[in-house]
N, C-alpha and C. Protein backbone atom coordinates (compact mmCIF):
# COMPACT_ATOMS: atom_id res chain seq x y z
N UNK A 1 -9.68 -8.95 23.68
CA UNK A 1 -9.00 -8.68 22.42
C UNK A 1 -9.13 -7.17 22.15
N UNK A 2 -7.99 -6.56 21.84
CA UNK A 2 -8.02 -5.13 21.59
C UNK A 2 -8.66 -4.81 20.17
N UNK A 3 -8.98 -3.53 20.02
CA UNK A 3 -9.59 -3.12 18.73
C UNK A 3 -8.61 -3.39 17.57
N UNK A 4 -7.36 -3.18 17.79
CA UNK A 4 -6.33 -3.42 16.73
C UNK A 4 -6.25 -4.90 16.40
N UNK A 5 -6.32 -5.79 17.38
CA UNK A 5 -6.28 -7.19 17.17
C UNK A 5 -7.52 -7.68 16.35
N UNK A 6 -8.68 -7.14 16.73
CA UNK A 6 -9.89 -7.46 15.97
C UNK A 6 -9.81 -6.97 14.51
N UNK A 7 -9.18 -5.83 14.32
CA UNK A 7 -9.02 -5.33 12.99
C UNK A 7 -8.10 -6.20 12.18
N UNK A 8 -7.02 -6.69 12.78
CA UNK A 8 -6.14 -7.61 12.15
C UNK A 8 -6.82 -8.93 11.75
N UNK A 9 -7.68 -9.45 12.59
CA UNK A 9 -8.45 -10.66 12.29
C UNK A 9 -9.35 -10.41 11.09
N UNK A 10 -10.08 -9.30 11.13
CA UNK A 10 -10.96 -8.92 10.01
C UNK A 10 -10.20 -8.76 8.73
N UNK A 11 -9.05 -8.15 8.78
CA UNK A 11 -8.24 -7.91 7.61
C UNK A 11 -7.71 -9.21 6.97
N UNK A 12 -7.46 -10.18 7.80
CA UNK A 12 -6.86 -11.45 7.38
C UNK A 12 -7.94 -12.56 7.10
N UNK A 13 -9.16 -12.24 7.05
CA UNK A 13 -10.24 -13.19 6.77
C UNK A 13 -10.07 -13.69 5.34
N UNK A 14 -10.59 -14.88 5.11
CA UNK A 14 -10.65 -15.44 3.80
C UNK A 14 -12.14 -15.76 3.47
N UNK A 15 -12.61 -15.44 2.34
CA UNK A 15 -12.01 -14.73 1.24
C UNK A 15 -11.68 -13.31 1.65
N UNK A 16 -10.95 -12.62 0.76
CA UNK A 16 -10.53 -11.27 1.08
C UNK A 16 -11.77 -10.41 1.30
N UNK A 17 -11.89 -9.74 2.44
CA UNK A 17 -13.06 -8.91 2.71
C UNK A 17 -13.13 -7.68 1.82
N UNK A 18 -14.40 -7.29 1.47
CA UNK A 18 -14.53 -6.09 0.67
C UNK A 18 -15.24 -4.99 1.45
N UNK A 19 -15.19 -5.04 2.77
CA UNK A 19 -15.84 -4.05 3.58
C UNK A 19 -14.83 -3.40 4.56
N UNK A 20 -13.60 -3.19 4.14
CA UNK A 20 -12.59 -2.56 4.94
C UNK A 20 -12.45 -1.09 4.44
N UNK A 21 -12.65 -0.19 5.37
CA UNK A 21 -12.62 1.23 5.01
C UNK A 21 -11.16 1.71 4.95
N UNK A 22 -10.98 2.85 4.38
CA UNK A 22 -9.64 3.40 4.33
C UNK A 22 -9.14 3.79 5.68
N UNK A 23 -9.99 4.24 6.57
CA UNK A 23 -9.59 4.57 7.95
C UNK A 23 -9.02 3.34 8.63
N UNK A 24 -9.59 2.17 8.43
CA UNK A 24 -9.12 0.93 8.99
C UNK A 24 -7.77 0.55 8.41
N UNK A 25 -7.63 0.73 7.13
CA UNK A 25 -6.35 0.43 6.49
C UNK A 25 -5.24 1.35 7.03
N UNK A 26 -5.60 2.63 7.19
CA UNK A 26 -4.63 3.58 7.71
C UNK A 26 -4.21 3.25 9.16
N UNK A 27 -5.19 2.86 9.95
CA UNK A 27 -4.85 2.45 11.35
C UNK A 27 -3.94 1.28 11.38
N UNK A 28 -4.23 0.27 10.53
CA UNK A 28 -3.37 -0.95 10.52
C UNK A 28 -1.96 -0.58 9.97
N UNK A 29 -1.88 0.23 8.91
CA UNK A 29 -0.61 0.58 8.32
C UNK A 29 0.27 1.26 9.37
N UNK A 30 -0.31 2.21 10.11
CA UNK A 30 0.47 2.87 11.18
C UNK A 30 0.90 1.90 12.23
N UNK A 31 0.08 0.91 12.58
CA UNK A 31 0.44 -0.07 13.60
C UNK A 31 1.62 -0.89 13.14
N UNK A 32 1.75 -1.13 11.82
CA UNK A 32 2.84 -1.87 11.24
C UNK A 32 4.10 -1.02 11.02
N UNK A 33 3.98 0.31 11.34
CA UNK A 33 5.13 1.21 11.21
C UNK A 33 5.20 1.88 9.81
N UNK A 34 4.15 1.81 9.05
CA UNK A 34 4.16 2.41 7.73
C UNK A 34 3.72 3.87 7.80
N UNK A 35 4.05 4.63 6.79
CA UNK A 35 3.64 6.02 6.75
C UNK A 35 2.51 6.15 5.68
N UNK A 36 1.51 6.89 6.00
CA UNK A 36 0.42 7.09 5.01
C UNK A 36 0.53 8.54 4.57
N UNK A 37 0.70 8.78 3.26
CA UNK A 37 0.81 10.10 2.67
C UNK A 37 -0.19 10.32 1.58
N UNK A 38 -0.51 11.57 1.29
CA UNK A 38 -1.40 11.89 0.23
C UNK A 38 -0.73 11.54 -1.11
N UNK A 39 -1.48 10.89 -2.00
CA UNK A 39 -0.90 10.52 -3.31
C UNK A 39 -1.46 11.29 -4.41
N UNK A 40 -2.37 12.19 -4.11
CA UNK A 40 -3.06 12.95 -5.15
C UNK A 40 -4.38 13.37 -4.55
N UNK A 41 -5.29 13.79 -5.46
CA UNK A 41 -6.58 14.31 -5.04
C UNK A 41 -7.46 13.16 -4.52
N UNK A 42 -7.44 11.99 -5.16
CA UNK A 42 -8.32 10.92 -4.75
C UNK A 42 -7.54 9.65 -4.40
N UNK A 43 -6.38 9.79 -3.86
CA UNK A 43 -5.61 8.57 -3.49
C UNK A 43 -4.68 8.89 -2.32
N UNK A 44 -4.21 7.79 -1.68
CA UNK A 44 -3.25 7.87 -0.64
C UNK A 44 -2.17 6.82 -0.92
N UNK A 45 -1.00 6.97 -0.28
CA UNK A 45 0.02 5.98 -0.48
C UNK A 45 0.42 5.44 0.89
N UNK A 46 0.58 4.12 0.93
CA UNK A 46 1.11 3.49 2.14
C UNK A 46 2.54 3.18 1.86
N UNK A 47 3.47 3.76 2.69
CA UNK A 47 4.90 3.66 2.40
C UNK A 47 5.57 2.89 3.57
N UNK A 48 6.32 1.84 3.19
CA UNK A 48 7.18 1.14 4.16
C UNK A 48 8.61 1.58 3.90
N UNK A 49 9.12 2.44 4.76
CA UNK A 49 10.39 3.11 4.51
C UNK A 49 11.56 2.06 4.44
N UNK A 50 11.67 1.16 5.42
CA UNK A 50 12.85 0.18 5.35
C UNK A 50 12.95 -0.59 4.05
N UNK A 51 11.82 -1.03 3.50
CA UNK A 51 11.88 -1.81 2.29
C UNK A 51 11.74 -0.94 1.01
N UNK A 52 11.25 0.27 1.22
CA UNK A 52 11.09 1.17 0.08
C UNK A 52 9.81 0.90 -0.71
N UNK A 53 8.90 0.06 -0.13
CA UNK A 53 7.66 -0.33 -0.78
C UNK A 53 6.64 0.81 -0.71
N UNK A 54 6.02 1.11 -1.84
CA UNK A 54 4.95 2.14 -1.90
C UNK A 54 3.74 1.51 -2.55
N UNK A 55 2.61 1.56 -1.84
CA UNK A 55 1.39 1.00 -2.38
C UNK A 55 0.38 2.13 -2.50
N UNK A 56 0.06 2.60 -3.73
CA UNK A 56 -0.95 3.64 -3.90
C UNK A 56 -2.36 3.01 -3.83
N UNK A 57 -3.22 3.70 -3.11
CA UNK A 57 -4.57 3.24 -2.92
C UNK A 57 -5.52 4.33 -3.36
N UNK A 58 -6.28 4.11 -4.47
CA UNK A 58 -7.24 5.07 -4.88
C UNK A 58 -8.46 5.05 -3.92
N UNK A 59 -8.98 6.23 -3.65
CA UNK A 59 -10.15 6.38 -2.72
C UNK A 59 -11.34 6.68 -3.57
N UNK A 60 -12.06 5.65 -3.96
CA UNK A 60 -13.31 5.80 -4.65
C UNK A 60 -14.38 5.13 -3.82
N UNK A 61 -15.21 5.85 -3.17
CA UNK A 61 -16.21 5.28 -2.29
C UNK A 61 -15.66 5.13 -0.90
N UNK A 62 -16.36 4.37 -0.08
CA UNK A 62 -16.03 4.23 1.34
C UNK A 62 -15.01 3.09 1.65
N UNK A 63 -15.01 2.09 0.75
CA UNK A 63 -14.16 0.88 1.02
C UNK A 63 -12.98 0.74 0.05
N UNK A 64 -11.95 0.05 0.55
CA UNK A 64 -10.78 -0.24 -0.32
C UNK A 64 -11.04 -1.50 -1.07
N UNK A 65 -10.63 -1.52 -2.37
CA UNK A 65 -10.86 -2.62 -3.20
C UNK A 65 -10.01 -3.82 -2.82
N UNK A 66 -10.46 -5.03 -3.11
CA UNK A 66 -9.86 -6.25 -2.72
C UNK A 66 -8.40 -6.38 -3.20
N UNK A 67 -8.08 -5.88 -4.35
CA UNK A 67 -6.74 -6.00 -4.96
C UNK A 67 -5.73 -5.23 -4.10
N UNK A 68 -6.10 -4.09 -3.55
CA UNK A 68 -5.21 -3.33 -2.68
C UNK A 68 -5.06 -3.92 -1.31
N UNK A 69 -6.13 -4.56 -0.82
CA UNK A 69 -6.07 -5.27 0.45
C UNK A 69 -5.10 -6.45 0.31
N UNK A 70 -5.09 -7.17 -0.83
CA UNK A 70 -4.13 -8.25 -1.02
C UNK A 70 -2.71 -7.75 -1.01
N UNK A 71 -2.48 -6.62 -1.67
CA UNK A 71 -1.12 -6.03 -1.69
C UNK A 71 -0.69 -5.64 -0.29
N UNK A 72 -1.61 -5.09 0.47
CA UNK A 72 -1.33 -4.68 1.89
C UNK A 72 -1.06 -5.89 2.74
N UNK A 73 -1.81 -6.91 2.55
CA UNK A 73 -1.60 -8.19 3.31
C UNK A 73 -0.15 -8.69 3.08
N UNK A 74 0.21 -8.73 1.83
CA UNK A 74 1.60 -9.23 1.49
C UNK A 74 2.64 -8.32 2.17
N UNK A 75 2.42 -6.99 2.09
CA UNK A 75 3.35 -6.05 2.74
C UNK A 75 3.44 -6.28 4.23
N UNK A 76 2.26 -6.41 4.89
CA UNK A 76 2.27 -6.58 6.39
C UNK A 76 2.90 -7.95 6.79
N UNK A 77 2.71 -8.97 5.92
CA UNK A 77 3.41 -10.27 6.20
C UNK A 77 4.90 -10.10 6.11
N UNK A 78 5.39 -9.40 5.16
CA UNK A 78 6.77 -9.12 4.94
C UNK A 78 7.33 -8.33 6.16
N UNK A 79 6.57 -7.36 6.64
CA UNK A 79 7.02 -6.60 7.84
C UNK A 79 7.09 -7.46 9.04
N UNK A 80 6.07 -8.35 9.26
CA UNK A 80 6.06 -9.27 10.42
C UNK A 80 7.25 -10.22 10.34
N UNK A 81 7.57 -10.71 9.16
CA UNK A 81 8.74 -11.60 9.00
C UNK A 81 10.02 -10.87 9.30
N UNK A 82 10.15 -9.62 8.81
CA UNK A 82 11.33 -8.83 9.06
C UNK A 82 11.49 -8.52 10.52
N UNK A 83 10.40 -8.28 11.21
CA UNK A 83 10.46 -7.96 12.66
C UNK A 83 10.82 -9.17 13.46
N UNK A 84 10.32 -10.37 12.99
CA UNK A 84 10.67 -11.61 13.74
C UNK A 84 12.21 -11.89 13.60
N UNK A 85 12.75 -11.63 12.43
CA UNK A 85 14.15 -11.90 12.20
C UNK A 85 15.01 -10.98 13.04
N UNK A 86 14.58 -9.81 13.35
CA UNK A 86 15.35 -8.86 14.16
C UNK A 86 15.35 -9.27 15.63
N UNK A 87 14.21 -9.82 16.07
CA UNK A 87 14.11 -10.23 17.52
C UNK A 87 14.90 -11.43 17.77
């Protein structure tokens, strides 16, 4: 199992994990084709260009809060669905 696949499994655990770092979120977002841009001094934005979805993620501490992980899960599911429909 590749590092990316292990990260996807960790990301999709239930209950929502609270030990996912921003670096891991950024790696996953890029794997799904999203762009990660600076959103300000203490935040970043995950942008899905085809759908126009923007998820701002504040960076306080080492880990991403559960609410933002849930939003990202929904976005990544939407991207997977969209990619399956194209194939």
